[in-house]
Amino acid sequence: MIITIDGPAAAGKGTVSKVLAERYRLAYFDTGMIYRAVGLEMVLSGTDLTDEKAALKFAQDMTFEKMMALSVHPDFRSDIGGQAASKVSAMPDVRQALLKMQQNFALNPVFADGTPAEGAIYDGRDTGTVICPHADIKFFVTASTEVRAMRRFKEFVAKGMDTTYEKVLADMIARDKRDSERQVAPMKPAADAILIDTSDMDAATEIDVVSKLVEEKLSKIA
């Protein structure tokens, strides 16, 4: 079984994806990690994030092991990592270079320890439209920009990061624009995706809503 959950930053897709992956024993793939790894590696090397040729080279050289090593860096999940990921993911050649790696995961899904899984859940922005268009169940999770910015701001504050709500909001608006207007694989719901607005939901409510929809879908598939 393949489930895709797409949507903008801080909409809640990561939280629900991890819960569903554990509940249904599915391998979890956060596709944004690949772009964060490429973007962060460029930042750490002092490479201009607008240099598309350099970005392509970093993408072509990216491996699962390298991605996991970069994932423990303090800036991997920070606003720096998020903005870098958004910039490199808007480059068509970078997306093409990383597409195969993402698609192959659905053919041979594995858990973090390398053991085989019977399915996968994808967390991203184009997983239902480009990476796994034939997924069994697709969701597009969103929320108002202001709500998402406040969620991300609180996350950063909890981690001790020095920022402001206004900066987080401005960065999120810019990131949404890049993600939705990029030439290749723009962020948008798949035609057959279930749309969920989490603006007025807490994590528990979102998980409950999505879980019930999955059960309904599974009953029809069975």
Protein backbone atom coordinates (compact mmCIF):
# COMPACT_ATOMS: atom_id res chain seq x y z
CA MET A 1 0.00 0.00 0.00
CA ILE A 2 1.25 3.46 -0.92
CA ILE A 3 -0.10 6.61 0.77
CA THR A 4 0.96 10.12 -0.23
CA ILE A 5 0.51 13.21 1.94
CA ASP A 6 1.38 16.49 0.28
CA GLY A 7 1.03 20.09 1.38
CA PRO A 8 2.89 23.25 2.35
CA ALA A 9 5.25 23.72 5.29
CA ALA A 10 3.80 23.38 8.82
CA ALA A 11 0.44 22.12 7.57
CA GLY A 12 0.77 19.00 9.72
CA LYS A 13 1.63 16.43 7.07
CA GLY A 14 4.81 15.26 8.78
CA THR A 15 3.10 14.58 12.10
CA VAL A 16 0.26 12.56 10.62
CA SER A 17 2.57 10.74 8.17
CA LYS A 18 4.76 9.40 10.98
CA VAL A 19 1.75 8.22 12.99
CA LEU A 20 0.17 6.47 10.01
CA ALA A 21 3.48 4.86 9.07
CA GLU A 22 3.74 3.32 12.53
CA ARG A 23 0.07 2.38 12.71
CA TYR A 24 0.00 0.57 9.36
CA ARG A 25 3.60 -0.64 9.42
CA LEU A 26 4.60 1.38 6.39
CA ALA A 27 8.03 2.71 5.54
CA TYR A 28 8.20 6.50 5.92
CA PHE A 29 9.83 8.72 3.32
CA ASP A 30 10.09 12.46 3.95
CA THR A 31 10.99 13.61 0.42
CA GLY A 32 11.85 17.08 1.68
CA MET A 33 14.91 15.60 3.40
CA ILE A 34 16.62 15.12 0.04
CA TYR A 35 16.22 18.75 -0.93
CA ARG A 36 17.22 19.90 2.55
CA ALA A 37 20.37 17.81 2.26
CA VAL A 38 21.30 19.28 -1.12
CA GLY A 39 20.51 22.83 -0.01
CA LEU A 40 22.32 22.53 3.32
CA GLU A 41 25.38 20.99 1.71
CA MET A 42 25.52 24.00 -0.61
CA VAL A 43 25.16 26.39 2.33
CA LEU A 44 27.88 24.65 4.34
CA SER A 45 30.26 24.71 1.37
CA GLY A 46 29.62 28.40 0.76
CA THR A 47 28.04 27.76 -2.65
CA ASP A 48 25.58 30.28 -4.04
CA LEU A 49 22.08 28.78 -3.78
CA THR A 50 21.16 30.32 -7.13
CA ASP A 51 23.95 28.43 -8.93
CA GLU A 52 21.92 25.81 -10.79
CA LYS A 53 24.92 23.95 -12.24
CA ALA A 54 26.45 23.56 -8.79
CA ALA A 55 23.10 22.51 -7.32
CA LEU A 56 22.74 19.82 -9.98
CA LYS A 57 26.19 18.45 -9.14
CA PHE A 58 25.33 18.29 -5.43
CA ALA A 59 22.06 16.52 -6.31
CA GLN A 60 23.77 13.99 -8.56
CA ASP A 61 26.27 13.19 -5.82
CA MET A 62 23.65 12.88 -3.07
CA THR A 63 23.34 9.47 -1.44
CA PHE A 64 21.07 8.13 1.28
CA GLU A 65 24.06 7.87 3.64
CA LYS A 66 25.11 11.46 2.97
CA MET A 67 21.54 12.68 3.48
CA MET A 68 21.31 10.93 6.85
CA ALA A 69 24.65 12.40 7.94
CA LEU A 70 23.49 15.92 7.05
CA SER A 71 20.16 15.36 8.80
CA VAL A 72 21.80 15.63 12.24
CA HIS A 73 23.21 19.09 11.52
CA PRO A 74 21.54 21.83 13.63
CA ASP A 75 20.46 23.75 10.53
CA PHE A 76 18.94 20.78 8.73
CA ARG A 77 15.48 21.38 10.27
CA SER A 78 15.96 25.11 10.83
CA ASP A 79 14.64 27.92 8.67
CA ILE A 80 18.03 27.97 6.94
CA GLY A 81 17.58 24.37 5.82
CA GLY A 82 13.98 24.95 4.82
CA GLN A 83 14.70 28.01 2.71
CA ALA A 84 17.68 26.31 1.05
CA ALA A 85 15.52 23.27 0.24
CA SER A 86 12.83 25.45 -1.28
CA LYS A 87 15.33 27.23 -3.53
CA VAL A 88 17.07 24.15 -4.90
CA SER A 89 13.81 22.20 -5.25
CA ALA A 90 12.56 24.86 -7.68
CA MET A 91 15.35 23.92 -10.12
CA PRO A 92 14.07 21.49 -12.81
CA ASP A 93 17.41 19.69 -13.24
CA VAL A 94 17.76 19.12 -9.50
CA ARG A 95 14.26 17.66 -9.26
CA GLN A 96 14.92 15.37 -12.20
CA ALA A 97 18.21 14.18 -10.72
CA LEU A 98 16.49 13.22 -7.44
CA LEU A 99 13.25 11.87 -8.89
CA LYS A 100 14.42 8.33 -9.53
CA MET A 101 15.66 7.88 -5.97
CA GLN A 102 12.25 8.86 -4.66
CA GLN A 103 10.28 6.70 -7.09
CA ASN A 104 12.42 3.63 -6.45
CA PHE A 105 11.51 3.74 -2.77
CA ALA A 106 7.91 2.82 -3.63
CA LEU A 107 9.15 -0.25 -5.52
CA ASN A 108 11.37 -1.43 -2.67
CA PRO A 109 10.24 0.25 0.55
CA VAL A 110 12.37 -0.36 3.62
CA PHE A 111 12.29 0.75 7.24
CA ALA A 112 15.05 2.88 8.75
CA ASP A 113 16.92 -0.27 9.81
CA GLY A 114 16.89 -1.60 6.25
CA THR A 115 14.28 -4.32 6.69
CA PRO A 116 11.66 -4.63 3.91
CA ALA A 117 8.23 -3.04 4.30
CA GLU A 118 4.98 -3.93 2.56
CA GLY A 119 4.27 -0.35 1.61
CA ALA A 120 5.25 3.25 2.11
CA ILE A 121 3.90 6.61 3.12
CA TYR A 122 5.31 9.65 1.35
CA ASP A 123 5.48 13.11 2.93
CA GLY A 124 6.15 15.92 0.47
CA ARG A 125 4.80 18.41 -2.02
CA ASP A 126 4.52 16.48 -5.29
CA THR A 127 4.37 12.86 -4.15
CA GLY A 128 0.77 12.34 -5.27
CA THR A 129 1.17 14.15 -8.57
CA VAL A 130 4.68 13.19 -9.75
CA ILE A 131 6.50 10.66 -7.56
CA CYS A 132 3.64 8.20 -6.95
CA PRO A 133 0.70 9.22 -9.16
CA HIS A 134 -0.72 5.70 -8.79
CA ALA A 135 -0.71 5.72 -4.98
CA ASP A 136 -3.58 3.89 -3.30
CA ILE A 137 -4.55 6.85 -1.10
CA LYS A 138 -3.63 10.52 -1.55
CA PHE A 139 -4.03 13.47 0.79
CA PHE A 140 -3.31 17.17 0.45
CA VAL A 141 -3.02 18.78 3.88
CA THR A 142 -3.01 22.55 4.24
CA ALA A 143 -3.80 25.41 6.65
CA SER A 144 -3.87 29.20 6.49
CA THR A 145 -0.51 30.88 6.03
CA GLU A 146 -0.82 32.70 9.36
CA VAL A 147 -1.59 29.50 11.28
CA ARG A 148 1.30 27.66 9.67
CA ALA A 149 3.69 30.54 10.32
CA MET A 150 2.72 30.62 14.01
CA ARG A 151 3.23 26.85 14.30
CA ARG A 152 6.69 27.12 12.76
CA PHE A 153 7.57 30.17 14.86
CA LYS A 154 6.68 28.27 18.05
CA GLU A 155 8.82 25.33 16.91
CA PHE A 156 11.80 27.61 16.35
CA VAL A 157 11.34 29.34 19.71
CA ALA A 158 11.12 25.97 21.47
CA LYS A 159 14.46 25.08 19.89
CA GLY A 160 16.01 28.31 21.12
CA MET A 161 16.28 29.90 17.67
CA ASP A 162 16.42 33.69 17.44
CA THR A 163 13.66 34.78 15.04
CA THR A 164 10.36 36.65 14.89
CA TYR A 165 6.87 35.69 13.81
CA GLU A 166 7.01 38.39 11.11
CA LYS A 167 10.18 36.93 9.61
CA VAL A 168 8.82 33.39 9.68
CA LEU A 169 5.60 34.56 8.02
CA ALA A 170 7.47 36.46 5.29
CA ASP A 171 9.75 33.47 4.63
CA MET A 172 6.76 31.13 4.48
CA ILE A 173 4.92 33.32 1.98
CA ALA A 174 8.03 33.41 -0.20
CA ARG A 175 8.50 29.66 0.10
CA ASP A 176 4.87 28.91 -0.77
CA LYS A 177 5.22 31.10 -3.85
CA ARG A 178 8.36 29.26 -5.02
CA ASP A 179 6.84 25.84 -4.34
CA SER A 180 3.56 26.55 -6.13
CA GLU A 181 5.01 28.44 -9.10
CA ARG A 182 8.05 26.35 -9.97
CA GLN A 183 8.14 25.13 -13.57
CA VAL A 184 8.51 21.45 -12.79
CA ALA A 185 6.24 19.63 -10.32
CA PRO A 186 4.58 22.64 -8.69
CA MET A 187 2.97 22.04 -5.32
CA LYS A 188 -0.71 21.33 -5.89
CA PRO A 189 -3.27 18.69 -4.90
CA ALA A 190 -3.54 15.61 -7.09
CA ALA A 191 -6.88 15.45 -8.89
CA ASP A 192 -7.90 12.49 -6.73
CA ALA A 193 -6.39 13.72 -3.45
CA ILE A 194 -8.48 14.16 -0.31
CA LEU A 195 -8.17 17.80 0.81
CA ILE A 196 -7.83 18.53 4.53
CA ASP A 197 -7.58 21.98 6.12
CA THR A 198 -5.95 21.75 9.55
CA SER A 199 -6.21 25.45 10.43
CA ASP A 200 -8.59 24.71 13.31
CA MET A 201 -7.24 21.27 14.21
CA ASP A 202 -4.71 20.16 16.78
CA ALA A 203 -2.45 17.22 15.99
CA ALA A 204 -4.71 14.64 17.70
CA THR A 205 -7.77 15.79 15.76
CA GLU A 206 -5.90 15.76 12.46
CA ILE A 207 -4.61 12.24 13.08
CA ASP A 208 -8.12 11.06 13.96
CA VAL A 209 -9.64 12.62 10.83
CA VAL A 210 -7.01 11.24 8.48
CA SER A 211 -7.04 7.79 10.11
CA LYS A 212 -10.80 7.47 9.63
CA LEU A 213 -10.46 8.46 5.97
CA VAL A 214 -7.73 5.86 5.48
CA GLU A 215 -9.92 3.19 7.03
CA GLU A 216 -12.79 4.17 4.72
CA LYS A 217 -10.51 3.99 1.70
CA LEU A 218 -9.06 0.63 2.76
CA SER A 219 -12.54 -0.83 3.19
CA LYS A 220 -13.37 0.15 -0.38
CA ILE A 221 -10.07 -1.18 -1.74
CA ALA A 222 -10.61 -4.49 0.06
